[in-house]
Amino acid sequence: MKYLYLLLAIIFEVIGTTVLKSSNGFTVLVPTVISLLCYGCSFYFLSVCMQSIPTGVVYAVWSGVGIVLISLFAFIFYKQTLDLAAIMGILMIIGGVLVIRLFSNSF
């Protein structure tokens, strides 16, 4: 169940951040409300995860997977591209999350 909460925290954070761009600096009502609600849900589920998974591990996985997914959605929805250095950095983040998931007893 703790992994479901982490997954929900990631999903809500990714939706909130993706919609944040459409809020135009919190000047457009609907994207602003969606973004704030998603962030609230994300932090709630993140706090629930931290009751059973170490904080550093939760945050590393949450932020790492979030960065990858948000970059992917920014490419799909907003046609934003990344340079080689950014892509290499994201690949290293994926590698770090995999190391934590596959080799750490903390997760």
PDB file of N, CA and C in Angstrom:
ATOM      1  N   MET A   1       0.818  -1.194   0.000  1.00  0.00           N
ATOM      2  CA  MET A   1       0.000   0.000   0.000  1.00  0.00           C
ATOM      3  C   MET A   1       0.863   1.258   0.000  1.00  0.00           C
ATOM      4  N   LYS A   2       2.014   1.181   0.674  1.00  0.00           N
ATOM      5  CA  LYS A   2       2.869   2.367   0.743  1.00  0.00           C
ATOM      6  C   LYS A   2       3.358   2.779  -0.647  1.00  0.00           C
ATOM      7  N   TYR A   3       3.539   1.814  -1.534  1.00  0.00           N
ATOM      8  CA  TYR A   3       3.978   2.145  -2.890  1.00  0.00           C
ATOM      9  C   TYR A   3       2.847   2.766  -3.704  1.00  0.00           C
ATOM     10  N   LEU A   4       1.627   2.380  -3.418  1.00  0.00           N
ATOM     11  CA  LEU A   4       0.470   3.002  -4.074  1.00  0.00           C
ATOM     12  C   LEU A   4       0.392   4.475  -3.696  1.00  0.00           C
ATOM     13  N   TYR A   5       0.622   4.781  -2.419  1.00  0.00           N
ATOM     14  CA  TYR A   5       0.610   6.181  -1.975  1.00  0.00           C
ATOM     15  C   TYR A   5       1.728   6.980  -2.648  1.00  0.00           C
ATOM     16  N   LEU A   6       2.888   6.368  -2.799  1.00  0.00           N
ATOM     17  CA  LEU A   6       3.986   7.053  -3.482  1.00  0.00           C
ATOM     18  C   LEU A   6       3.636   7.284  -4.949  1.00  0.00           C
ATOM     19  N   LEU A   7       3.045   6.300  -5.588  1.00  0.00           N
ATOM     20  CA  LEU A   7       2.621   6.450  -6.977  1.00  0.00           C
ATOM     21  C   LEU A   7       1.583   7.569  -7.113  1.00  0.00           C
ATOM     22  N   LEU A   8       0.622   7.619  -6.206  1.00  0.00           N
ATOM     23  CA  LEU A   8      -0.376   8.678  -6.246  1.00  0.00           C
ATOM     24  C   LEU A   8       0.259  10.054  -6.024  1.00  0.00           C
ATOM     25  N   ALA A   9       1.225  10.127  -5.119  1.00  0.00           N
ATOM     26  CA  ALA A   9       1.926  11.393  -4.879  1.00  0.00           C
ATOM     27  C   ALA A   9       2.633  11.851  -6.148  1.00  0.00           C
ATOM     28  N   ILE A  10       3.252  10.925  -6.851  1.00  0.00           N
ATOM     29  CA  ILE A  10       3.954  11.257  -8.097  1.00  0.00           C
ATOM     30  C   ILE A  10       2.961  11.706  -9.164  1.00  0.00           C
ATOM     31  N   ILE A  11       1.876  10.963  -9.327  1.00  0.00           N
ATOM     32  CA  ILE A  11       0.884  11.295 -10.352  1.00  0.00           C
ATOM     33  C   ILE A  11       0.307  12.683 -10.126  1.00  0.00           C
ATOM     34  N   PHE A  12      -0.099  12.972  -8.887  1.00  0.00           N
ATOM     35  CA  PHE A  12      -0.675  14.291  -8.601  1.00  0.00           C
ATOM     36  C   PHE A  12       0.345  15.407  -8.794  1.00  0.00           C
ATOM     37  N   GLU A  13       1.594  15.159  -8.416  1.00  0.00           N
ATOM     38  CA  GLU A  13       2.628  16.185  -8.595  1.00  0.00           C
ATOM     39  C   GLU A  13       2.883  16.452 -10.072  1.00  0.00           C
ATOM     40  N   VAL A  14       2.917  15.414 -10.874  1.00  0.00           N
ATOM     41  CA  VAL A  14       3.153  15.572 -12.313  1.00  0.00           C
ATOM     42  C   VAL A  14       1.987  16.321 -12.969  1.00  0.00           C
ATOM     43  N   ILE A  15       0.767  15.975 -12.611  1.00  0.00           N
ATOM     44  CA  ILE A  15      -0.388  16.692 -13.163  1.00  0.00           C
ATOM     45  C   ILE A  15      -0.349  18.152 -12.729  1.00  0.00           C
ATOM     46  N   GLY A  16      -0.115  18.390 -11.452  1.00  0.00           N
ATOM     47  CA  GLY A  16      -0.077  19.753 -10.940  1.00  0.00           C
ATOM     48  C   GLY A  16       0.973  20.609 -11.609  1.00  0.00           C
ATOM     49  N   THR A  17       2.151  20.052 -11.815  1.00  0.00           N
ATOM     50  CA  THR A  17       3.231  20.806 -12.446  1.00  0.00           C
ATOM     51  C   THR A  17       2.967  21.008 -13.934  1.00  0.00           C
ATOM     52  N   THR A  18       2.426  20.005 -14.594  1.00  0.00           N
ATOM     53  CA  THR A  18       2.123  20.136 -16.015  1.00  0.00           C
ATOM     54  C   THR A  18       1.068  21.214 -16.246  1.00  0.00           C
ATOM     55  N   VAL A  19       0.049  21.245 -15.412  1.00  0.00           N
ATOM     56  CA  VAL A  19      -1.028  22.228 -15.545  1.00  0.00           C
ATOM     57  C   VAL A  19      -0.564  23.622 -15.101  1.00  0.00           C
ATOM     58  N   LEU A  20       0.434  23.661 -14.237  1.00  0.00           N
ATOM     59  CA  LEU A  20       0.927  24.938 -13.719  1.00  0.00           C
ATOM     60  C   LEU A  20       1.306  25.906 -14.832  1.00  0.00           C
ATOM     61  N   LYS A  21       1.896  25.400 -15.904  1.00  0.00           N
ATOM     62  CA  LYS A  21       2.272  26.262 -17.024  1.00  0.00           C
ATOM     63  C   LYS A  21       1.051  26.958 -17.613  1.00  0.00           C
ATOM     64  N   SER A  22      -0.063  26.243 -17.696  1.00  0.00           N
ATOM     65  CA  SER A  22      -1.291  26.818 -18.258  1.00  0.00           C
ATOM     66  C   SER A  22      -1.947  27.835 -17.339  1.00  0.00           C
ATOM     67  N   SER A  23      -1.541  27.855 -16.069  1.00  0.00           N
ATOM     68  CA  SER A  23      -2.136  28.818 -15.139  1.00  0.00           C
ATOM     69  C   SER A  23      -1.629  30.228 -15.394  1.00  0.00           C
ATOM     70  N   ASN A  24      -0.560  30.348 -16.183  1.00  0.00           N
ATOM     71  CA  ASN A  24      -0.006  31.649 -16.557  1.00  0.00           C
ATOM     72  C   ASN A  24       0.268  32.516 -15.316  1.00  0.00           C
ATOM     73  N   GLY A  25       1.048  31.944 -14.402  1.00  0.00           N
ATOM     74  CA  GLY A  25       1.391  32.677 -13.191  1.00  0.00           C
ATOM     75  C   GLY A  25       0.211  32.856 -12.251  1.00  0.00           C
ATOM     76  N   PHE A  26      -0.640  31.854 -12.151  1.00  0.00           N
ATOM     77  CA  PHE A  26      -1.840  31.866 -11.318  1.00  0.00           C
ATOM     78  C   PHE A  26      -2.827  32.957 -11.727  1.00  0.00           C
ATOM     79  N   THR A  27      -2.872  33.288 -13.016  1.00  0.00           N
ATOM     80  CA  THR A  27      -3.828  34.290 -13.503  1.00  0.00           C
ATOM     81  C   THR A  27      -5.013  33.669 -14.227  1.00  0.00           C
ATOM     82  N   VAL A  28      -4.941  32.372 -14.547  1.00  0.00           N
ATOM     83  CA  VAL A  28      -6.051  31.664 -15.195  1.00  0.00           C
ATOM     84  C   VAL A  28      -6.640  30.723 -14.146  1.00  0.00           C
ATOM     85  N   LEU A  29      -7.923  30.894 -13.835  1.00  0.00           N
ATOM     86  CA  LEU A  29      -8.544  30.248 -12.683  1.00  0.00           C
ATOM     87  C   LEU A  29      -8.513  28.720 -12.711  1.00  0.00           C
ATOM     88  N   VAL A  30      -9.023  28.104 -13.762  1.00  0.00           N
ATOM     89  CA  VAL A  30      -9.176  26.641 -13.769  1.00  0.00           C
ATOM     90  C   VAL A  30      -7.831  25.918 -13.648  1.00  0.00           C
ATOM     91  N   PRO A  31      -6.812  26.248 -14.456  1.00  0.00           N
ATOM     92  CA  PRO A  31      -5.528  25.571 -14.268  1.00  0.00           C
ATOM     93  C   PRO A  31      -4.902  25.853 -12.900  1.00  0.00           C
ATOM     94  N   THR A  32      -5.129  27.049 -12.367  1.00  0.00           N
ATOM     95  CA  THR A  32      -4.607  27.378 -11.043  1.00  0.00           C
ATOM     96  C   THR A  32      -5.223  26.479  -9.981  1.00  0.00           C
ATOM     97  N   VAL A  33      -6.532  26.330 -10.013  1.00  0.00           N
ATOM     98  CA  VAL A  33      -7.230  25.491  -9.030  1.00  0.00           C
ATOM     99  C   VAL A  33      -6.805  24.033  -9.171  1.00  0.00           C
ATOM    100  N   ILE A  34      -6.740  23.537 -10.400  1.00  0.00           N
ATOM    101  CA  ILE A  34      -6.313  22.148 -10.633  1.00  0.00           C
ATOM    102  C   ILE A  34      -4.901  21.944 -10.089  1.00  0.00           C
ATOM    103  N   SER A  35      -4.009  22.868 -10.389  1.00  0.00           N
ATOM    104  CA  SER A  35      -2.629  22.752  -9.947  1.00  0.00           C
ATOM    105  C   SER A  35      -2.535  22.732  -8.420  1.00  0.00           C
ATOM    106  N   LEU A  36      -3.212  23.649  -7.764  1.00  0.00           N
ATOM    107  CA  LEU A  36      -3.148  23.710  -6.301  1.00  0.00           C
ATOM    108  C   LEU A  36      -3.766  22.478  -5.650  1.00  0.00           C
ATOM    109  N   LEU A  37      -4.885  21.995  -6.192  1.00  0.00           N
ATOM    110  CA  LEU A  37      -5.500  20.777  -5.660  1.00  0.00           C
ATOM    111  C   LEU A  37      -4.574  19.568  -5.833  1.00  0.00           C
ATOM    112  N   CYS A  38      -3.951  19.484  -6.998  1.00  0.00           N
ATOM    113  CA  CYS A  38      -3.040  18.365  -7.255  1.00  0.00           C
ATOM    114  C   CYS A  38      -1.830  18.414  -6.331  1.00  0.00           C
ATOM    115  N   TYR A  39      -1.289  19.619  -6.111  1.00  0.00           N
ATOM    116  CA  TYR A  39      -0.161  19.737  -5.179  1.00  0.00           C
ATOM    117  C   TYR A  39      -0.580  19.346  -3.769  1.00  0.00           C
ATOM    118  N   GLY A  40      -1.762  19.756  -3.349  1.00  0.00           N
ATOM    119  CA  GLY A  40      -2.246  19.378  -2.023  1.00  0.00           C
ATOM    120  C   GLY A  40      -2.374  17.871  -1.880  1.00  0.00           C
ATOM    121  N   CYS A  41      -2.961  17.228  -2.887  1.00  0.00           N
ATOM    122  CA  CYS A  41      -3.086  15.761  -2.872  1.00  0.00           C
ATOM    123  C   CYS A  41      -1.711  15.100  -2.879  1.00  0.00           C
ATOM    124  N   SER A  42      -0.818  15.640  -3.689  1.00  0.00           N
ATOM    125  CA  SER A  42       0.519  15.068  -3.779  1.00  0.00           C
ATOM    126  C   SER A  42       1.227  15.111  -2.424  1.00  0.00           C
ATOM    127  N   PHE A  43       1.178  16.254  -1.769  1.00  0.00           N
ATOM    128  CA  PHE A  43       1.851  16.367  -0.477  1.00  0.00           C
ATOM    129  C   PHE A  43       1.179  15.521   0.592  1.00  0.00           C
ATOM    130  N   TYR A  44      -0.137  15.361   0.506  1.00  0.00           N
ATOM    131  CA  TYR A  44      -0.810  14.473   1.444  1.00  0.00           C
ATOM    132  C   TYR A  44      -0.287  13.037   1.285  1.00  0.00           C
ATOM    133  N   PHE A  45      -0.304  12.520   0.051  1.00  0.00           N
ATOM    134  CA  PHE A  45       0.148  11.153  -0.173  1.00  0.00           C
ATOM    135  C   PHE A  45       1.641  11.009   0.115  1.00  0.00           C
ATOM    136  N   LEU A  46       2.410  12.056  -0.141  1.00  0.00           N
ATOM    137  CA  LEU A  46       3.834  12.034   0.176  1.00  0.00           C
ATOM    138  C   LEU A  46       4.031  11.901   1.685  1.00  0.00           C
ATOM    139  N   SER A  47       3.240  12.624   2.457  1.00  0.00           N
ATOM    140  CA  SER A  47       3.370  12.546   3.916  1.00  0.00           C
ATOM    141  C   SER A  47       2.972  11.166   4.437  1.00  0.00           C
ATOM    142  N   VAL A  48       1.987  10.544   3.801  1.00  0.00           N
ATOM    143  CA  VAL A  48       1.584   9.195   4.209  1.00  0.00           C
ATOM    144  C   VAL A  48       2.713   8.202   3.938  1.00  0.00           C
ATOM    145  N   CYS A  49       3.386   8.357   2.785  1.00  0.00           N
ATOM    146  CA  CYS A  49       4.513   7.473   2.447  1.00  0.00           C
ATOM    147  C   CYS A  49       5.624   7.556   3.475  1.00  0.00           C
ATOM    148  N   MET A  50       5.852   8.760   3.962  1.00  0.00           N
ATOM    149  CA  MET A  50       6.976   8.981   4.868  1.00  0.00           C
ATOM    150  C   MET A  50       6.782   8.318   6.229  1.00  0.00           C
ATOM    151  N   GLN A  51       5.602   7.780   6.474  1.00  0.00           N
ATOM    152  CA  GLN A  51       5.371   7.036   7.707  1.00  0.00           C
ATOM    153  C   GLN A  51       5.989   5.643   7.647  1.00  0.00           C
ATOM    154  N   SER A  52       6.218   5.133   6.429  1.00  0.00           N
ATOM    155  CA  SER A  52       6.730   3.763   6.314  1.00  0.00           C
ATOM    156  C   SER A  52       7.966   3.625   5.427  1.00  0.00           C
ATOM    157  N   ILE A  53       8.330   4.668   4.703  1.00  0.00           N
ATOM    158  CA  ILE A  53       9.524   4.652   3.849  1.00  0.00           C
ATOM    159  C   ILE A  53      10.398   5.826   4.288  1.00  0.00           C
ATOM    160  N   PRO A  54      11.717   5.647   4.378  1.00  0.00           N
ATOM    161  CA  PRO A  54      12.575   6.755   4.797  1.00  0.00           C
ATOM    162  C   PRO A  54      12.393   7.995   3.919  1.00  0.00           C
ATOM    163  N   THR A  55      12.416   9.144   4.560  1.00  0.00           N
ATOM    164  CA  THR A  55      12.166  10.419   3.895  1.00  0.00           C
ATOM    165  C   THR A  55      13.056  10.642   2.682  1.00  0.00           C
ATOM    166  N   GLY A  56      14.350  10.378   2.813  1.00  0.00           N
ATOM    167  CA  GLY A  56      15.279  10.596   1.704  1.00  0.00           C
ATOM    168  C   GLY A  56      14.957   9.732   0.504  1.00  0.00           C
ATOM    169  N   VAL A  57      14.560   8.504   0.757  1.00  0.00           N
ATOM    170  CA  VAL A  57      14.213   7.590  -0.324  1.00  0.00           C
ATOM    171  C   VAL A  57      12.918   8.040  -0.993  1.00  0.00           C
ATOM    172  N   VAL A  58      11.915   8.380  -0.191  1.00  0.00           N
ATOM    173  CA  VAL A  58      10.641   8.853  -0.744  1.00  0.00           C
ATOM    174  C   VAL A  58      10.878  10.073  -1.618  1.00  0.00           C
ATOM    175  N   TYR A  59      11.625  11.026  -1.086  1.00  0.00           N
ATOM    176  CA  TYR A  59      11.832  12.263  -1.828  1.00  0.00           C
ATOM    177  C   TYR A  59      12.642  12.021  -3.099  1.00  0.00           C
ATOM    178  N   ALA A  60      13.654  11.164  -3.025  1.00  0.00           N
ATOM    179  CA  ALA A  60      14.469  10.880  -4.214  1.00  0.00           C
ATOM    180  C   ALA A  60      13.627  10.248  -5.315  1.00  0.00           C
ATOM    181  N   VAL A  61      12.804   9.289  -4.970  1.00  0.00           N
ATOM    182  CA  VAL A  61      11.967   8.619  -5.976  1.00  0.00           C
ATOM    183  C   VAL A  61      10.892   9.573  -6.486  1.00  0.00           C
ATOM    184  N   TRP A  62      10.230  10.299  -5.584  1.00  0.00           N
ATOM    185  CA  TRP A  62       9.170  11.236  -5.953  1.00  0.00           C
ATOM    186  C   TRP A  62       9.690  12.316  -6.895  1.00  0.00           C
ATOM    187  N   SER A  63      10.787  12.927  -6.522  1.00  0.00           N
ATOM    188  CA  SER A  63      11.313  14.007  -7.364  1.00  0.00           C
ATOM    189  C   SER A  63      11.941  13.467  -8.643  1.00  0.00           C
ATOM    190  N   GLY A  64      12.646  12.345  -8.553  1.00  0.00           N
ATOM    191  CA  GLY A  64      13.294  11.779  -9.736  1.00  0.00           C
ATOM    192  C   GLY A  64      12.312  11.334 -10.799  1.00  0.00           C
ATOM    193  N   VAL A  65      11.326  10.563 -10.395  1.00  0.00           N
ATOM    194  CA  VAL A  65      10.315  10.101 -11.349  1.00  0.00           C
ATOM    195  C   VAL A  65       9.508  11.299 -11.847  1.00  0.00           C
ATOM    196  N   GLY A  66       9.234  12.250 -10.958  1.00  0.00           N
ATOM    197  CA  GLY A  66       8.511  13.451 -11.357  1.00  0.00           C
ATOM    198  C   GLY A  66       9.245  14.244 -12.425  1.00  0.00           C
ATOM    199  N   ILE A  67      10.556  14.421 -12.255  1.00  0.00           N
ATOM    200  CA  ILE A  67      11.354  15.156 -13.237  1.00  0.00           C
ATOM    201  C   ILE A  67      11.285  14.487 -14.604  1.00  0.00           C
ATOM    202  N   VAL A  68      11.420  13.194 -14.617  1.00  0.00           N
ATOM    203  CA  VAL A  68      11.390  12.459 -15.881  1.00  0.00           C
ATOM    204  C   VAL A  68      10.024  12.607 -16.555  1.00  0.00           C
ATOM    205  N   LEU A  69       8.954  12.379 -15.799  1.00  0.00           N
ATOM    206  CA  LEU A  69       7.615  12.445 -16.389  1.00  0.00           C
ATOM    207  C   LEU A  69       7.237  13.863 -16.808  1.00  0.00           C
ATOM    208  N   ILE A  70       7.588  14.847 -15.995  1.00  0.00           N
ATOM    209  CA  ILE A  70       7.269  16.237 -16.347  1.00  0.00           C
ATOM    210  C   ILE A  70       8.028  16.648 -17.602  1.00  0.00           C
ATOM    211  N   SER A  71       9.274  16.236 -17.726  1.00  0.00           N
ATOM    212  CA  SER A  71      10.038  16.548 -18.940  1.00  0.00           C
ATOM    213  C   SER A  71       9.388  15.907 -20.160  1.00  0.00           C
ATOM    214  N   LEU A  72       8.925  14.676 -19.997  1.00  0.00           N
ATOM    215  CA  LEU A  72       8.244  13.983 -21.094  1.00  0.00           C
ATOM    216  C   LEU A  72       6.940  14.688 -21.464  1.00  0.00           C
ATOM    217  N   PHE A  73       6.132  15.051 -20.474  1.00  0.00           N
ATOM    218  CA  PHE A  73       4.867  15.730 -20.749  1.00  0.00           C
ATOM    219  C   PHE A  73       5.089  17.123 -21.320  1.00  0.00           C
ATOM    220  N   ALA A  74       6.128  17.825 -20.886  1.00  0.00           N
ATOM    221  CA  ALA A  74       6.440  19.151 -21.441  1.00  0.00           C
ATOM    222  C   ALA A  74       6.796  19.023 -22.920  1.00  0.00           C
ATOM    223  N   PHE A  75       7.470  17.950 -23.267  1.00  0.00           N
ATOM    224  CA  PHE A  75       7.800  17.697 -24.670  1.00  0.00           C
ATOM    225  C   PHE A  75       6.525  17.415 -25.469  1.00  0.00           C
ATOM    226  N   ILE A  76       5.646  16.570 -24.925  1.00  0.00           N
ATOM    227  CA  ILE A  76       4.429  16.170 -25.636  1.00  0.00           C
ATOM    228  C   ILE A  76       3.433  17.319 -25.746  1.00  0.00           C
ATOM    229  N   PHE A  77       3.139  17.990 -24.629  1.00  0.00           N
ATOM    230  CA  PHE A  77       2.067  18.982 -24.603  1.00  0.00           C
ATOM    231  C   PHE A  77       2.512  20.394 -24.973  1.00  0.00           C
ATOM    232  N   TYR A  78       3.755  20.746 -24.658  1.00  0.00           N
ATOM    233  CA  TYR A  78       4.212  22.116 -24.871  1.00  0.00           C
ATOM    234  C   TYR A  78       5.341  22.224 -25.887  1.00  0.00           C
ATOM    235  N   LYS A  79       5.696  21.103 -26.501  1.00  0.00           N
ATOM    236  CA  LYS A  79       6.744  21.063 -27.535  1.00  0.00           C
ATOM    237  C   LYS A  79       8.086  21.608 -27.032  1.00  0.00           C
ATOM    238  N   GLN A  80       8.348  21.447 -25.730  1.00  0.00           N
ATOM    239  CA  GLN A  80       9.621  21.881 -25.166  1.00  0.00           C
ATOM    240  C   GLN A  80      10.655  20.787 -25.389  1.00  0.00           C
ATOM    241  N   THR A  81      11.838  21.177 -25.779  1.00  0.00           N
ATOM    242  CA  THR A  81      12.898  20.205 -26.027  1.00  0.00           C
ATOM    243  C   THR A  81      14.021  20.410 -25.020  1.00  0.00           C
ATOM    244  N   LEU A  82      14.821  19.383 -24.871  1.00  0.00           N
ATOM    245  CA  LEU A  82      15.953  19.407 -23.963  1.00  0.00           C
ATOM    246  C   LEU A  82      17.237  19.224 -24.761  1.00  0.00           C
ATOM    247  N   ASP A  83      18.315  19.838 -24.275  1.00  0.00           N
ATOM    248  CA  ASP A  83      19.592  19.626 -24.938  1.00  0.00           C
ATOM    249  C   ASP A  83      20.225  18.337 -24.423  1.00  0.00           C
ATOM    250  N   LEU A  84      21.345  17.980 -24.986  1.00  0.00           N
ATOM    251  CA  LEU A  84      22.003  16.719 -24.652  1.00  0.00           C
ATOM    252  C   LEU A  84      22.360  16.637 -23.178  1.00  0.00           C
ATOM    253  N   ALA A  85      22.868  17.726 -22.609  1.00  0.00           N
ATOM    254  CA  ALA A  85      23.243  17.714 -21.191  1.00  0.00           C
ATOM    255  C   ALA A  85      22.028  17.431 -20.303  1.00  0.00           C
ATOM    256  N   ALA A  86      20.887  18.035 -20.619  1.00  0.00           N
ATOM    257  CA  ALA A  86      19.671  17.806 -19.836  1.00  0.00           C
ATOM    258  C   ALA A  86      19.214  16.350 -19.968  1.00  0.00           C
ATOM    259  N   ILE A  87      19.274  15.820 -21.156  1.00  0.00           N
ATOM    260  CA  ILE A  87      18.882  14.419 -21.371  1.00  0.00           C
ATOM    261  C   ILE A  87      19.812  13.484 -20.610  1.00  0.00           C
ATOM    262  N   MET A  88      21.098  13.760 -20.649  1.00  0.00           N
ATOM    263  CA  MET A  88      22.055  12.923 -19.906  1.00  0.00           C
ATOM    264  C   MET A  88      21.794  13.009 -18.400  1.00  0.00           C
ATOM    265  N   GLY A  89      21.472  14.205 -17.904  1.00  0.00           N
ATOM    266  CA  GLY A  89      21.158  14.362 -16.491  1.00  0.00           C
ATOM    267  C   GLY A  89      19.925  13.579 -16.096  1.00  0.00           C
ATOM    268  N   ILE A  90      18.910  13.616 -16.941  1.00  0.00           N
ATOM    269  CA  ILE A  90      17.687  12.869 -16.665  1.00  0.00           C
ATOM    270  C   ILE A  90      17.966  11.366 -16.678  1.00  0.00           C
ATOM    271  N   LEU A  91      18.809  10.922 -17.581  1.00  0.00           N
ATOM    272  CA  LEU A  91      19.181   9.496 -17.599  1.00  0.00           C
ATOM    273  C   LEU A  91      19.907   9.106 -16.321  1.00  0.00           C
ATOM    274  N   MET A  92      20.716  10.008 -15.788  1.00  0.00           N
ATOM    275  CA  MET A  92      21.393   9.724 -14.513  1.00  0.00           C
ATOM    276  C   MET A  92      20.389   9.671 -13.365  1.00  0.00           C
ATOM    277  N   ILE A  93      19.375  10.529 -13.417  1.00  0.00           N
ATOM    278  CA  ILE A  93      18.329  10.484 -12.394  1.00  0.00           C
ATOM    279  C   ILE A  93      17.608   9.144 -12.446  1.00  0.00           C
ATOM    280  N   ILE A  94      17.266   8.692 -13.646  1.00  0.00           N
ATOM    281  CA  ILE A  94      16.625   7.380 -13.801  1.00  0.00           C
ATOM    282  C   ILE A  94      17.526   6.293 -13.223  1.00  0.00           C
ATOM    283  N   GLY A  95      18.806   6.379 -13.512  1.00  0.00           N
ATOM    284  CA  GLY A  95      19.759   5.406 -12.970  1.00  0.00           C
ATOM    285  C   GLY A  95      19.777   5.429 -11.447  1.00  0.00           C
ATOM    286  N   GLY A  96      19.737   6.615 -10.871  1.00  0.00           N
ATOM    287  CA  GLY A  96      19.727   6.726  -9.412  1.00  0.00           C
ATOM    288  C   GLY A  96      18.486   6.118  -8.797  1.00  0.00           C
ATOM    289  N   VAL A  97      17.339   6.373  -9.388  1.00  0.00           N
ATOM    290  CA  VAL A  97      16.091   5.792  -8.884  1.00  0.00           C
ATOM    291  C   VAL A  97      16.138   4.270  -9.003  1.00  0.00           C
ATOM    292  N   LEU A  98      16.679   3.763 -10.101  1.00  0.00           N
ATOM    293  CA  LEU A  98      16.792   2.308 -10.268  1.00  0.00           C
ATOM    294  C   LEU A  98      17.729   1.691  -9.236  1.00  0.00           C
ATOM    295  N   VAL A  99      18.825   2.361  -8.948  1.00  0.00           N
ATOM    296  CA  VAL A  99      19.752   1.852  -7.925  1.00  0.00           C
ATOM    297  C   VAL A  99      19.046   1.769  -6.580  1.00  0.00           C
ATOM    298  N   ILE A 100      18.306   2.822  -6.227  1.00  0.00           N
ATOM    299  CA  ILE A 100      17.570   2.801  -4.961  1.00  0.00           C
ATOM    300  C   ILE A 100      16.560   1.662  -4.951  1.00  0.00           C
ATOM    301  N   ARG A 101      15.805   1.538  -6.027  1.00  0.00           N
ATOM    302  CA  ARG A 101      14.746   0.522  -6.074  1.00  0.00           C
ATOM    303  C   ARG A 101      15.290  -0.905  -6.088  1.00  0.00           C
ATOM    304  N   LEU A 102      16.358  -1.123  -6.838  1.00  0.00           N
ATOM    305  CA  LEU A 102      16.859  -2.490  -7.019  1.00  0.00           C
ATOM    306  C   LEU A 102      17.826  -2.948  -5.946  1.00  0.00           C
ATOM    307  N   PHE A 103      18.586  -2.021  -5.362  1.00  0.00           N
ATOM    308  CA  PHE A 103      19.664  -2.437  -4.470  1.00  0.00           C
ATOM    309  C   PHE A 103      19.543  -1.952  -3.030  1.00  0.00           C
ATOM    310  N   SER A 104      18.649  -1.047  -2.745  1.00  0.00           N
ATOM    311  CA  SER A 104      18.546  -0.516  -1.399  1.00  0.00           C
ATOM    312  C   SER A 104      17.539  -1.319  -0.574  1.00  0.00           C
ATOM    313  N   ASN A 105      17.892  -1.594   0.641  1.00  0.00           N
ATOM    314  CA  ASN A 105      16.964  -2.241   1.561  1.00  0.00           C
ATOM    315  C   ASN A 105      16.001  -1.237   2.177  1.00  0.00           C
ATOM    316  N   SER A 106      16.231   0.049   1.938  1.00  0.00           N
ATOM    317  CA  SER A 106      15.381   1.090   2.522  1.00  0.00           C
ATOM    318  C   SER A 106      14.066   1.232   1.796  1.00  0.00           C
ATOM    319  N   PHE A 107      13.978   0.716   0.585  1.00  0.00           N
ATOM    320  CA  PHE A 107      12.775   0.896  -0.227  1.00  0.00           C
ATOM    321  C   PHE A 107      11.996  -0.352  -0.154  1.00  0.00           C
TER     322      PHE A 107
END
